[in-house]
Amino acid sequence: MATLDMTMMYAFHDALRREVERIARISARQDADPRAVLRTAVGWQMFKDYLRVHHTSEDDALWPPLQKALAEKPEDLALLDAMEAEHAAIDPLLESVDAALADRDSGLERLGGLVDALTSGLGGHLRHEEKEALPLIGATLDREQWARFGELHRTRIGADLSRYLPWMLDSVDPARTEQILGGLPAPLLASYRDEWQPAYARLEIWGRPVAG
């Protein structure tokens, strides 16, 4: 089995961890109502959108070929069922956070616990996927099947690529950034450096610079 390049997968996972930590810090702020910050921050919408693209792309392009290839291996199938169940548990948490953000009466009281649950649930899922599911993918799928997942993911990001890529590379160290950007065609690389990254920096996606 050919070795699969999972650089982008791990980079995306790291971006999710970074953003959910920022969300947790914002929700714990005492100097302003965190509901107002999150409700109006483009970063919250980007986090939700990109997370859903990622999970639905895995559900549609990774788990089905794995289920077919592993049909005679019940322990591996149970792992895939767990991955789908973990995905299914995250969307209701996002919706509950949105409901708390919109609730002027008791939303603030619920927000901290909901963000804690989101942080814990997403973090646990990412660790589980990296420890068990990604090695299983690497041992089972071929490059063509892996490429289909990447293509579906890119298609669903679509025209938002100009924000998605600098978002994913936000705060990534220069050496790793260069490693990831090294695979881009020259015109895309020029667009990233000359247009996309500067425009993303101007967005201040959490309303003001957020440490980390």
N, C-alpha and C. Protein backbone atom coordinates (compact mmCIF):
# COMPACT_ATOMS: atom_id res chain seq x y z
N MET A 1 0.84 -1.19 0.00
CA MET A 1 0.00 0.00 0.00
C MET A 1 0.89 1.25 0.00
N ALA A 2 0.60 2.16 -0.92
CA ALA A 2 1.39 3.39 -1.01
C ALA A 2 1.16 4.28 0.22
N THR A 3 2.19 4.98 0.64
CA THR A 3 2.07 5.90 1.77
C THR A 3 1.23 7.11 1.36
N LEU A 4 0.23 7.44 2.17
CA LEU A 4 -0.64 8.57 1.87
C LEU A 4 -0.09 9.83 2.53
N ASP A 5 -0.17 10.94 1.82
CA ASP A 5 0.29 12.21 2.35
C ASP A 5 -0.84 12.84 3.17
N MET A 6 -0.71 12.82 4.48
CA MET A 6 -1.75 13.33 5.37
C MET A 6 -1.39 14.69 5.96
N THR A 7 -0.48 15.39 5.31
CA THR A 7 -0.04 16.69 5.81
C THR A 7 -1.21 17.64 6.01
N MET A 8 -2.08 17.74 5.01
CA MET A 8 -3.20 18.68 5.08
C MET A 8 -4.21 18.25 6.15
N MET A 9 -4.39 16.95 6.32
CA MET A 9 -5.32 16.46 7.34
C MET A 9 -4.85 16.91 8.73
N TYR A 10 -3.58 16.70 9.02
CA TYR A 10 -3.07 17.09 10.33
C TYR A 10 -3.06 18.61 10.50
N ALA A 11 -2.77 19.33 9.43
CA ALA A 11 -2.79 20.79 9.50
C ALA A 11 -4.20 21.29 9.80
N PHE A 12 -5.19 20.66 9.19
CA PHE A 12 -6.57 21.06 9.45
C PHE A 12 -6.96 20.75 10.89
N HIS A 13 -6.59 19.57 11.36
CA HIS A 13 -6.89 19.22 12.75
C HIS A 13 -6.27 20.23 13.72
N ASP A 14 -5.04 20.62 13.45
CA ASP A 14 -4.38 21.60 14.31
C ASP A 14 -5.11 22.95 14.27
N ALA A 15 -5.63 23.31 13.10
CA ALA A 15 -6.38 24.56 12.99
C ALA A 15 -7.65 24.51 13.82
N LEU A 16 -8.33 23.37 13.80
CA LEU A 16 -9.53 23.22 14.63
C LEU A 16 -9.19 23.36 16.11
N ARG A 17 -8.11 22.73 16.52
CA ARG A 17 -7.70 22.84 17.93
C ARG A 17 -7.40 24.30 18.30
N ARG A 18 -6.70 24.99 17.42
CA ARG A 18 -6.36 26.39 17.68
C ARG A 18 -7.62 27.23 17.84
N GLU A 19 -8.57 27.04 16.94
CA GLU A 19 -9.76 27.87 16.95
C GLU A 19 -10.67 27.56 18.12
N VAL A 20 -10.82 26.29 18.48
CA VAL A 20 -11.69 25.98 19.61
C VAL A 20 -11.07 26.50 20.91
N GLU A 21 -9.75 26.55 20.98
CA GLU A 21 -9.11 27.17 22.15
C GLU A 21 -9.39 28.67 22.18
N ARG A 22 -9.37 29.31 21.04
CA ARG A 22 -9.69 30.74 20.99
C ARG A 22 -11.15 30.97 21.39
N ILE A 23 -12.04 30.11 20.92
CA ILE A 23 -13.46 30.23 21.28
C ILE A 23 -13.62 30.09 22.79
N ALA A 24 -12.89 29.14 23.39
CA ALA A 24 -12.97 28.95 24.83
C ALA A 24 -12.48 30.18 25.58
N ARG A 25 -11.40 30.80 25.10
CA ARG A 25 -10.88 31.99 25.76
C ARG A 25 -11.88 33.15 25.65
N ILE A 26 -12.49 33.29 24.49
CA ILE A 26 -13.47 34.36 24.31
C ILE A 26 -14.67 34.14 25.21
N SER A 27 -15.13 32.90 25.30
CA SER A 27 -16.32 32.61 26.12
C SER A 27 -16.06 32.85 27.60
N ALA A 28 -14.80 32.85 28.01
CA ALA A 28 -14.45 33.07 29.42
C ALA A 28 -14.14 34.53 29.73
N ARG A 29 -14.22 35.40 28.75
CA ARG A 29 -13.85 36.80 28.96
C ARG A 29 -14.81 37.49 29.92
N GLN A 30 -14.26 38.38 30.73
CA GLN A 30 -15.05 39.14 31.69
C GLN A 30 -15.21 40.61 31.28
N ASP A 31 -14.43 41.05 30.30
CA ASP A 31 -14.43 42.47 29.94
C ASP A 31 -15.52 42.84 28.95
N ALA A 32 -16.19 41.83 28.38
CA ALA A 32 -17.28 42.09 27.41
C ALA A 32 -18.16 40.85 27.38
N ASP A 33 -19.37 41.01 26.91
CA ASP A 33 -20.27 39.87 26.79
C ASP A 33 -19.76 38.96 25.67
N PRO A 34 -19.29 37.76 26.00
CA PRO A 34 -18.74 36.90 24.95
C PRO A 34 -19.76 36.51 23.89
N ARG A 35 -21.05 36.57 24.25
CA ARG A 35 -22.08 36.27 23.24
C ARG A 35 -22.02 37.27 22.09
N ALA A 36 -21.85 38.53 22.43
CA ALA A 36 -21.79 39.56 21.39
C ALA A 36 -20.55 39.39 20.54
N VAL A 37 -19.43 39.00 21.17
CA VAL A 37 -18.19 38.80 20.41
C VAL A 37 -18.34 37.65 19.44
N LEU A 38 -18.78 36.50 19.94
CA LEU A 38 -18.88 35.31 19.09
C LEU A 38 -19.97 35.46 18.02
N ARG A 39 -21.08 36.07 18.40
CA ARG A 39 -22.20 36.18 17.47
C ARG A 39 -21.83 37.02 16.25
N THR A 40 -20.96 38.00 16.45
CA THR A 40 -20.62 38.90 15.34
C THR A 40 -19.27 38.57 14.69
N ALA A 41 -18.55 37.59 15.23
CA ALA A 41 -17.21 37.28 14.72
C ALA A 41 -17.28 36.35 13.51
N VAL A 42 -16.63 36.74 12.44
CA VAL A 42 -16.58 35.89 11.26
C VAL A 42 -15.85 34.58 11.57
N GLY A 43 -14.98 34.60 12.58
CA GLY A 43 -14.25 33.39 12.96
C GLY A 43 -15.14 32.27 13.42
N TRP A 44 -16.22 32.57 14.12
CA TRP A 44 -17.16 31.53 14.58
C TRP A 44 -17.84 30.87 13.39
N GLN A 45 -18.26 31.67 12.40
CA GLN A 45 -18.91 31.10 11.22
C GLN A 45 -17.92 30.29 10.40
N MET A 46 -16.70 30.77 10.25
CA MET A 46 -15.69 30.02 9.50
C MET A 46 -15.39 28.69 10.18
N PHE A 47 -15.24 28.72 11.49
CA PHE A 47 -14.98 27.49 12.24
C PHE A 47 -16.08 26.46 11.99
N LYS A 48 -17.33 26.89 12.10
CA LYS A 48 -18.46 25.97 11.89
C LYS A 48 -18.49 25.45 10.45
N ASP A 49 -18.34 26.36 9.50
CA ASP A 49 -18.42 25.97 8.08
C ASP A 49 -17.33 24.98 7.72
N TYR A 50 -16.10 25.26 8.10
CA TYR A 50 -14.98 24.40 7.70
C TYR A 50 -15.03 23.06 8.44
N LEU A 51 -15.47 23.08 9.69
CA LEU A 51 -15.61 21.82 10.41
C LEU A 51 -16.66 20.94 9.75
N ARG A 52 -17.77 21.53 9.35
CA ARG A 52 -18.84 20.74 8.71
C ARG A 52 -18.41 20.22 7.34
N VAL A 53 -17.70 21.03 6.57
CA VAL A 53 -17.17 20.56 5.29
C VAL A 53 -16.27 19.36 5.51
N HIS A 54 -15.40 19.46 6.49
CA HIS A 54 -14.45 18.39 6.76
C HIS A 54 -15.16 17.11 7.16
N HIS A 55 -16.08 17.21 8.09
CA HIS A 55 -16.74 16.00 8.58
C HIS A 55 -17.66 15.38 7.53
N THR A 56 -18.40 16.20 6.79
CA THR A 56 -19.27 15.61 5.77
C THR A 56 -18.44 14.99 4.64
N SER A 57 -17.29 15.57 4.35
CA SER A 57 -16.42 14.98 3.32
C SER A 57 -15.86 13.65 3.78
N GLU A 58 -15.51 13.54 5.05
CA GLU A 58 -15.08 12.25 5.58
C GLU A 58 -16.23 11.25 5.54
N ASP A 59 -17.42 11.69 5.96
CA ASP A 59 -18.58 10.79 5.96
C ASP A 59 -18.89 10.27 4.56
N ASP A 60 -18.72 11.13 3.55
CA ASP A 60 -19.12 10.78 2.19
C ASP A 60 -18.02 10.10 1.38
N ALA A 61 -16.74 10.44 1.66
CA ALA A 61 -15.67 9.95 0.78
C ALA A 61 -14.67 9.02 1.47
N LEU A 62 -14.64 8.98 2.79
CA LEU A 62 -13.69 8.10 3.47
C LEU A 62 -14.35 6.86 4.05
N TRP A 63 -15.40 7.08 4.85
CA TRP A 63 -15.96 5.92 5.55
C TRP A 63 -16.57 4.88 4.60
N PRO A 64 -17.29 5.25 3.52
CA PRO A 64 -17.87 4.22 2.64
C PRO A 64 -16.84 3.27 2.02
N PRO A 65 -15.74 3.77 1.41
CA PRO A 65 -14.77 2.82 0.86
C PRO A 65 -14.09 1.99 1.94
N LEU A 66 -13.92 2.58 3.12
CA LEU A 66 -13.34 1.81 4.22
C LEU A 66 -14.29 0.71 4.66
N GLN A 67 -15.58 1.03 4.77
CA GLN A 67 -16.56 0.03 5.17
C GLN A 67 -16.59 -1.13 4.18
N LYS A 68 -16.47 -0.81 2.90
CA LYS A 68 -16.47 -1.87 1.88
C LYS A 68 -15.22 -2.73 2.00
N ALA A 69 -14.07 -2.09 2.18
CA ALA A 69 -12.81 -2.84 2.24
C ALA A 69 -12.68 -3.66 3.52
N LEU A 70 -13.36 -3.20 4.57
CA LEU A 70 -13.20 -3.84 5.89
C LEU A 70 -14.43 -4.63 6.30
N ALA A 71 -15.23 -5.03 5.31
CA ALA A 71 -16.52 -5.68 5.59
C ALA A 71 -16.39 -6.92 6.46
N GLU A 72 -15.26 -7.60 6.40
CA GLU A 72 -15.06 -8.83 7.18
C GLU A 72 -14.29 -8.58 8.47
N LYS A 73 -14.15 -7.33 8.87
CA LYS A 73 -13.37 -7.01 10.07
C LYS A 73 -14.23 -6.19 11.03
N PRO A 74 -14.98 -6.86 11.89
CA PRO A 74 -15.94 -6.16 12.74
C PRO A 74 -15.32 -5.13 13.68
N GLU A 75 -14.11 -5.36 14.16
CA GLU A 75 -13.50 -4.38 15.06
C GLU A 75 -13.19 -3.07 14.32
N ASP A 76 -12.74 -3.19 13.08
CA ASP A 76 -12.47 -1.99 12.28
C ASP A 76 -13.77 -1.28 11.92
N LEU A 77 -14.80 -2.04 11.62
CA LEU A 77 -16.10 -1.43 11.32
C LEU A 77 -16.64 -0.70 12.54
N ALA A 78 -16.41 -1.24 13.72
CA ALA A 78 -16.86 -0.57 14.94
C ALA A 78 -16.16 0.77 15.11
N LEU A 79 -14.89 0.85 14.71
CA LEU A 79 -14.17 2.11 14.77
C LEU A 79 -14.80 3.13 13.83
N LEU A 80 -15.16 2.71 12.64
CA LEU A 80 -15.79 3.62 11.69
C LEU A 80 -17.14 4.09 12.21
N ASP A 81 -17.89 3.18 12.83
CA ASP A 81 -19.16 3.58 13.44
C ASP A 81 -18.93 4.63 14.53
N ALA A 82 -17.86 4.46 15.29
CA ALA A 82 -17.53 5.43 16.34
C ALA A 82 -17.19 6.79 15.74
N MET A 83 -16.46 6.79 14.62
CA MET A 83 -16.12 8.05 13.96
C MET A 83 -17.40 8.79 13.53
N GLU A 84 -18.33 8.06 12.95
CA GLU A 84 -19.57 8.69 12.49
C GLU A 84 -20.38 9.19 13.68
N ALA A 85 -20.40 8.42 14.76
CA ALA A 85 -21.15 8.83 15.95
C ALA A 85 -20.54 10.09 16.57
N GLU A 86 -19.21 10.16 16.58
CA GLU A 86 -18.55 11.36 17.12
C GLU A 86 -18.84 12.57 16.26
N HIS A 87 -18.85 12.40 14.95
CA HIS A 87 -19.24 13.50 14.07
C HIS A 87 -20.65 13.96 14.40
N ALA A 88 -21.56 13.01 14.53
CA ALA A 88 -22.97 13.33 14.75
C ALA A 88 -23.20 14.05 16.07
N ALA A 89 -22.30 13.85 17.04
CA ALA A 89 -22.47 14.49 18.34
C ALA A 89 -22.01 15.94 18.33
N ILE A 90 -21.21 16.34 17.36
CA ILE A 90 -20.64 17.69 17.36
C ILE A 90 -21.62 18.73 16.82
N ASP A 91 -22.36 18.41 15.77
CA ASP A 91 -23.30 19.38 15.21
C ASP A 91 -24.30 19.91 16.24
N PRO A 92 -24.91 19.03 17.07
CA PRO A 92 -25.82 19.57 18.08
C PRO A 92 -25.15 20.52 19.07
N LEU A 93 -23.87 20.30 19.35
CA LEU A 93 -23.14 21.22 20.23
C LEU A 93 -23.00 22.59 19.57
N LEU A 94 -22.68 22.61 18.27
CA LEU A 94 -22.59 23.88 17.55
C LEU A 94 -23.93 24.61 17.58
N GLU A 95 -25.00 23.85 17.37
CA GLU A 95 -26.34 24.45 17.37
C GLU A 95 -26.71 24.97 18.76
N SER A 96 -26.29 24.25 19.80
CA SER A 96 -26.59 24.69 21.16
C SER A 96 -25.83 25.96 21.50
N VAL A 97 -24.57 26.05 21.04
CA VAL A 97 -23.82 27.28 21.25
C VAL A 97 -24.50 28.44 20.54
N ASP A 98 -24.95 28.21 19.30
CA ASP A 98 -25.67 29.27 18.57
C ASP A 98 -26.92 29.71 19.32
N ALA A 99 -27.64 28.73 19.88
CA ALA A 99 -28.85 29.06 20.63
C ALA A 99 -28.51 29.90 21.86
N ALA A 100 -27.42 29.55 22.54
CA ALA A 100 -27.00 30.34 23.71
C ALA A 100 -26.59 31.75 23.31
N LEU A 101 -25.92 31.87 22.16
CA LEU A 101 -25.51 33.20 21.70
C LEU A 101 -26.70 34.10 21.41
N ALA A 102 -27.80 33.49 20.99
CA ALA A 102 -28.99 34.26 20.63
C ALA A 102 -29.92 34.50 21.82
N ASP A 103 -29.68 33.83 22.94
CA ASP A 103 -30.56 33.90 24.11
C ASP A 103 -30.12 35.04 25.02
N ARG A 104 -30.91 36.11 25.05
CA ARG A 104 -30.55 37.28 25.85
C ARG A 104 -30.74 37.04 27.34
N ASP A 105 -31.57 36.08 27.71
CA ASP A 105 -31.90 35.89 29.11
C ASP A 105 -30.92 34.96 29.82
N SER A 106 -30.83 33.71 29.36
CA SER A 106 -30.02 32.72 30.08
C SER A 106 -28.86 32.18 29.26
N GLY A 107 -28.66 32.74 28.08
CA GLY A 107 -27.62 32.21 27.20
C GLY A 107 -26.23 32.30 27.78
N LEU A 108 -25.95 33.40 28.48
CA LEU A 108 -24.62 33.58 29.04
C LEU A 108 -24.31 32.51 30.10
N GLU A 109 -25.31 32.12 30.86
CA GLU A 109 -25.12 31.09 31.88
C GLU A 109 -24.79 29.74 31.26
N ARG A 110 -25.33 29.46 30.09
CA ARG A 110 -25.12 28.16 29.44
C ARG A 110 -23.87 28.12 28.58
N LEU A 111 -23.40 29.27 28.15
CA LEU A 111 -22.36 29.32 27.12
C LEU A 111 -21.08 28.61 27.55
N GLY A 112 -20.61 28.89 28.75
CA GLY A 112 -19.35 28.32 29.18
C GLY A 112 -19.36 26.80 29.18
N GLY A 113 -20.44 26.21 29.71
CA GLY A 113 -20.54 24.75 29.74
C GLY A 113 -20.63 24.16 28.36
N LEU A 114 -21.34 24.83 27.46
CA LEU A 114 -21.46 24.33 26.09
C LEU A 114 -20.13 24.39 25.36
N VAL A 115 -19.39 25.48 25.53
CA VAL A 115 -18.08 25.58 24.88
C VAL A 115 -17.12 24.56 25.48
N ASP A 116 -17.21 24.31 26.77
CA ASP A 116 -16.39 23.26 27.38
C ASP A 116 -16.71 21.90 26.75
N ALA A 117 -18.00 21.63 26.56
CA ALA A 117 -18.40 20.35 25.95
C ALA A 117 -17.92 20.26 24.51
N LEU A 118 -17.99 21.37 23.77
CA LEU A 118 -17.50 21.38 22.40
C LEU A 118 -15.99 21.15 22.37
N THR A 119 -15.27 21.82 23.25
CA THR A 119 -13.81 21.66 23.30
C THR A 119 -13.44 20.22 23.62
N SER A 120 -14.12 19.65 24.61
CA SER A 120 -13.83 18.28 25.02
C SER A 120 -14.22 17.28 23.93
N GLY A 121 -15.42 17.46 23.36
CA GLY A 121 -15.90 16.52 22.34
C GLY A 121 -15.06 16.55 21.08
N LEU A 122 -14.75 17.74 20.61
CA LEU A 122 -13.95 17.85 19.38
C LEU A 122 -12.53 17.37 19.63
N GLY A 123 -11.96 17.77 20.77
CA GLY A 123 -10.59 17.34 21.07
C GLY A 123 -10.49 15.83 21.19
N GLY A 124 -11.45 15.22 21.86
CA GLY A 124 -11.45 13.76 21.99
C GLY A 124 -11.59 13.07 20.65
N HIS A 125 -12.45 13.62 19.80
CA HIS A 125 -12.63 13.03 18.47
C HIS A 125 -11.35 13.12 17.65
N LEU A 126 -10.70 14.28 17.66
CA LEU A 126 -9.48 14.43 16.87
C LEU A 126 -8.39 13.48 17.35
N ARG A 127 -8.26 13.35 18.66
CA ARG A 127 -7.26 12.41 19.19
C ARG A 127 -7.58 10.97 18.78
N HIS A 128 -8.85 10.61 18.87
CA HIS A 128 -9.27 9.25 18.51
C HIS A 128 -9.00 8.99 17.03
N GLU A 129 -9.34 9.97 16.19
CA GLU A 129 -9.14 9.79 14.76
C GLU A 129 -7.67 9.66 14.41
N GLU A 130 -6.84 10.51 15.03
CA GLU A 130 -5.41 10.46 14.73
C GLU A 130 -4.75 9.19 15.25
N LYS A 131 -5.20 8.71 16.39
CA LYS A 131 -4.58 7.53 16.98
C LYS A 131 -4.99 6.24 16.27
N GLU A 132 -6.27 6.16 15.86
CA GLU A 132 -6.77 4.89 15.33
C GLU A 132 -7.27 4.97 13.88
N ALA A 133 -8.07 5.99 13.55
CA ALA A 133 -8.68 6.01 12.22
C ALA A 133 -7.68 6.36 11.12
N LEU A 134 -6.82 7.34 11.35
CA LEU A 134 -5.87 7.70 10.28
C LEU A 134 -4.90 6.56 9.97
N PRO A 135 -4.35 5.85 10.96
CA PRO A 135 -3.53 4.68 10.61
C PRO A 135 -4.32 3.63 9.83
N LEU A 136 -5.60 3.44 10.18
CA LEU A 136 -6.42 2.47 9.44
C LEU A 136 -6.63 2.93 8.00
N ILE A 137 -6.86 4.22 7.82
CA ILE A 137 -7.00 4.77 6.46
C ILE A 137 -5.72 4.54 5.68
N GLY A 138 -4.58 4.84 6.31
CA GLY A 138 -3.30 4.68 5.62
C GLY A 138 -3.00 3.24 5.24
N ALA A 139 -3.51 2.30 6.03
CA ALA A 139 -3.27 0.89 5.75
C ALA A 139 -4.28 0.29 4.78
N THR A 140 -5.36 1.04 4.47
CA THR A 140 -6.47 0.44 3.71
C THR A 140 -6.71 1.10 2.37
N LEU A 141 -6.69 2.42 2.32
CA LEU A 141 -7.05 3.12 1.09
C LEU A 141 -5.82 3.32 0.20
N ASP A 142 -6.08 3.41 -1.11
CA ASP A 142 -4.99 3.71 -2.03
C ASP A 142 -4.97 5.22 -2.31
N ARG A 143 -3.99 5.65 -3.08
CA ARG A 143 -3.83 7.08 -3.33
C ARG A 143 -5.03 7.68 -4.07
N GLU A 144 -5.61 6.92 -4.97
CA GLU A 144 -6.76 7.41 -5.72
C GLU A 144 -7.95 7.64 -4.80
N GLN A 145 -8.19 6.72 -3.89
CA GLN A 145 -9.30 6.89 -2.94
C GLN A 145 -9.05 8.06 -2.01
N TRP A 146 -7.83 8.21 -1.55
CA TRP A 146 -7.48 9.34 -0.69
C TRP A 146 -7.62 10.66 -1.45
N ALA A 147 -7.22 10.65 -2.71
CA ALA A 147 -7.32 11.87 -3.53
C ALA A 147 -8.78 12.27 -3.73
N ARG A 148 -9.70 11.30 -3.81
CA ARG A 148 -11.11 11.62 -3.95
C ARG A 148 -11.63 12.40 -2.75
N PHE A 149 -11.19 12.01 -1.59
CA PHE A 149 -11.56 12.75 -0.37
C PHE A 149 -11.05 14.19 -0.46
N GLY A 150 -9.78 14.35 -0.83
CA GLY A 150 -9.21 15.69 -0.93
C GLY A 150 -9.94 16.55 -1.96
N GLU A 151 -10.30 15.95 -3.07
CA GLU A 151 -11.00 16.69 -4.12
C GLU A 151 -12.39 17.11 -3.67
N LEU A 152 -13.10 16.21 -2.99
CA LEU A 152 -14.43 16.56 -2.48
C LEU A 152 -14.33 17.69 -1.46
N HIS A 153 -13.36 17.59 -0.59
CA HIS A 153 -13.14 18.63 0.42
C HIS A 153 -12.89 19.98 -0.26
N ARG A 154 -12.00 20.00 -1.26
CA ARG A 154 -11.70 21.26 -1.97
C ARG A 154 -12.92 21.79 -2.71
N THR A 155 -13.70 20.89 -3.30
CA THR A 155 -14.90 21.32 -4.02
C THR A 155 -15.90 21.99 -3.08
N ARG A 156 -16.04 21.43 -1.91
CA ARG A 156 -17.00 21.99 -0.95
C ARG A 156 -16.51 23.29 -0.32
N ILE A 157 -15.20 23.46 -0.21
CA ILE A 157 -14.68 24.76 0.21
C ILE A 157 -14.93 25.79 -0.89
N GLY A 158 -14.73 25.37 -2.13
CA GLY A 158 -15.07 26.19 -3.29
C GLY A 158 -14.38 27.53 -3.31
N ALA A 159 -15.18 28.56 -3.58
CA ALA A 159 -14.63 29.91 -3.74
C ALA A 159 -14.08 30.48 -2.44
N ASP A 160 -14.35 29.80 -1.31
CA ASP A 160 -13.84 30.29 -0.03
C ASP A 160 -12.39 29.87 0.21
N LEU A 161 -11.76 29.23 -0.78
CA LEU A 161 -10.37 28.81 -0.63
C LEU A 161 -9.46 29.98 -0.25
N SER A 162 -9.78 31.17 -0.74
CA SER A 162 -8.93 32.34 -0.47
C SER A 162 -8.93 32.72 1.00
N ARG A 163 -9.97 32.32 1.74
CA ARG A 163 -9.96 32.54 3.19
C ARG A 163 -9.57 31.26 3.94
N TYR A 164 -9.97 30.12 3.39
CA TYR A 164 -9.73 28.85 4.07
C TYR A 164 -8.24 28.57 4.25
N LEU A 165 -7.45 28.77 3.20
CA LEU A 165 -6.04 28.41 3.29
C LEU A 165 -5.29 29.28 4.31
N PRO A 166 -5.42 30.61 4.27
CA PRO A 166 -4.74 31.39 5.31
C PRO A 166 -5.32 31.13 6.70
N TRP A 167 -6.60 30.79 6.79
CA TRP A 167 -7.17 30.40 8.08
C TRP A 167 -6.48 29.15 8.62
N MET A 168 -6.31 28.15 7.77
CA MET A 168 -5.69 26.91 8.21
C MET A 168 -4.25 27.15 8.64
N LEU A 169 -3.56 28.07 7.98
CA LEU A 169 -2.14 28.32 8.27
C LEU A 169 -1.91 29.43 9.29
N ASP A 170 -2.99 29.97 9.84
CA ASP A 170 -2.88 31.01 10.86
C ASP A 170 -2.05 30.49 12.04
N SER A 171 -0.98 31.20 12.38
CA SER A 171 -0.11 30.87 13.52
C SER A 171 0.74 29.62 13.32
N VAL A 172 0.73 29.02 12.14
CA VAL A 172 1.59 27.87 11.86
C VAL A 172 3.02 28.36 11.69
N ASP A 173 3.98 27.59 12.20
CA ASP A 173 5.36 28.04 12.12
C ASP A 173 5.82 28.11 10.66
N PRO A 174 6.77 29.00 10.34
CA PRO A 174 7.15 29.24 8.95
C PRO A 174 7.62 28.00 8.21
N ALA A 175 8.36 27.11 8.86
CA ALA A 175 8.86 25.92 8.18
C ALA A 175 7.72 25.03 7.72
N ARG A 176 6.73 24.84 8.59
CA ARG A 176 5.60 23.99 8.20
C ARG A 176 4.73 24.68 7.16
N THR A 177 4.59 26.00 7.28
CA THR A 177 3.84 26.74 6.27
C THR A 177 4.46 26.56 4.90
N GLU A 178 5.77 26.68 4.83
CA GLU A 178 6.46 26.50 3.55
C GLU A 178 6.30 25.09 3.01
N GLN A 179 6.30 24.10 3.92
CA GLN A 179 6.10 22.71 3.50
C GLN A 179 4.74 22.54 2.84
N ILE A 180 3.71 23.12 3.44
CA ILE A 180 2.35 22.99 2.91
C ILE A 180 2.19 23.79 1.62
N LEU A 181 2.71 25.01 1.62
CA LEU A 181 2.57 25.85 0.43
C LEU A 181 3.41 25.34 -0.74
N GLY A 182 4.43 24.54 -0.43
CA GLY A 182 5.31 24.05 -1.49
C GLY A 182 4.61 23.21 -2.54
N GLY A 183 3.45 22.64 -2.18
CA GLY A 183 2.72 21.82 -3.13
C GLY A 183 1.76 22.59 -4.01
N LEU A 184 1.67 23.90 -3.82
CA LEU A 184 0.73 24.70 -4.60
C LEU A 184 1.31 25.06 -5.96
N PRO A 185 0.46 25.12 -7.00
CA PRO A 185 0.91 25.66 -8.29
C PRO A 185 1.35 27.12 -8.11
N ALA A 186 2.29 27.55 -8.92
CA ALA A 186 2.87 28.88 -8.79
C ALA A 186 1.82 30.01 -8.78
N PRO A 187 0.80 29.99 -9.66
CA PRO A 187 -0.18 31.08 -9.62
C PRO A 187 -0.96 31.12 -8.31
N LEU A 188 -1.30 29.94 -7.76
CA LEU A 188 -2.02 29.88 -6.49
C LEU A 188 -1.15 30.39 -5.35
N LEU A 189 0.12 30.02 -5.39
CA LEU A 189 1.06 30.47 -4.37
C LEU A 189 1.19 31.99 -4.39
N ALA A 190 1.27 32.55 -5.59
CA ALA A 190 1.36 34.01 -5.71
C ALA A 190 0.09 34.68 -5.17
N SER A 191 -1.07 34.10 -5.46
CA SER A 191 -2.32 34.65 -4.95
C SER A 191 -2.36 34.60 -3.44
N TYR A 192 -1.89 33.48 -2.89
CA TYR A 192 -1.88 33.34 -1.43
C TYR A 192 -1.03 34.43 -0.80
N ARG A 193 0.18 34.60 -1.28
CA ARG A 193 1.11 35.53 -0.65
C ARG A 193 0.76 36.99 -0.91
N ASP A 194 0.27 37.29 -2.11
CA ASP A 194 0.04 38.68 -2.48
C ASP A 194 -1.36 39.19 -2.12
N GLU A 195 -2.34 38.26 -2.07
CA GLU A 195 -3.73 38.69 -1.88
C GLU A 195 -4.40 38.02 -0.69
N TRP A 196 -4.40 36.68 -0.67
CA TRP A 196 -5.23 35.96 0.29
C TRP A 196 -4.79 36.19 1.73
N GLN A 197 -3.50 36.00 1.99
CA GLN A 197 -3.02 36.12 3.37
C GLN A 197 -3.17 37.55 3.90
N PRO A 198 -2.79 38.58 3.12
CA PRO A 198 -3.01 39.95 3.61
C PRO A 198 -4.49 40.27 3.87
N ALA A 199 -5.37 39.79 2.98
CA ALA A 199 -6.80 40.05 3.16
C ALA A 199 -7.32 39.35 4.41
N TYR A 200 -6.83 38.13 4.64
CA TYR A 200 -7.24 37.39 5.83
C TYR A 200 -6.78 38.13 7.09
N ALA A 201 -5.57 38.62 7.09
CA ALA A 201 -5.04 39.33 8.26
C ALA A 201 -5.89 40.57 8.58
N ARG A 202 -6.38 41.23 7.54
CA ARG A 202 -7.20 42.42 7.76
C ARG A 202 -8.59 42.09 8.33
N LEU A 203 -9.03 40.85 8.15
CA LEU A 203 -10.36 40.46 8.61
C LEU A 203 -10.50 40.54 10.13
N GLU A 204 -9.40 40.22 10.87
CA GLU A 204 -9.49 40.11 12.32
C GLU A 204 -10.71 39.27 12.68
N ILE A 205 -10.63 37.98 12.40
CA ILE A 205 -11.82 37.13 12.40
C ILE A 205 -12.49 36.98 13.75
N TRP A 206 -11.80 37.35 14.83
CA TRP A 206 -12.44 37.31 16.14
C TRP A 206 -12.71 38.72 16.68
N GLY A 207 -12.78 39.68 15.77
CA GLY A 207 -13.16 41.03 16.18
C GLY A 207 -11.99 41.88 16.60
N ARG A 208 -10.98 41.24 17.14
CA ARG A 208 -9.72 41.90 17.50
C ARG A 208 -8.68 40.80 17.61
N PRO A 209 -7.40 41.13 17.55
CA PRO A 209 -6.40 40.07 17.62
C PRO A 209 -6.57 39.21 18.87
N VAL A 210 -6.46 37.89 18.69
CA VAL A 210 -6.59 36.93 19.79
C VAL A 210 -5.25 36.27 20.00
N ALA A 211 -4.71 36.34 21.19
CA ALA A 211 -3.39 35.74 21.46
C ALA A 211 -3.42 34.26 21.15
N GLY A 212 -2.31 33.75 20.59
CA GLY A 212 -2.21 32.33 20.28
C GLY A 212 -2.79 32.00 18.95
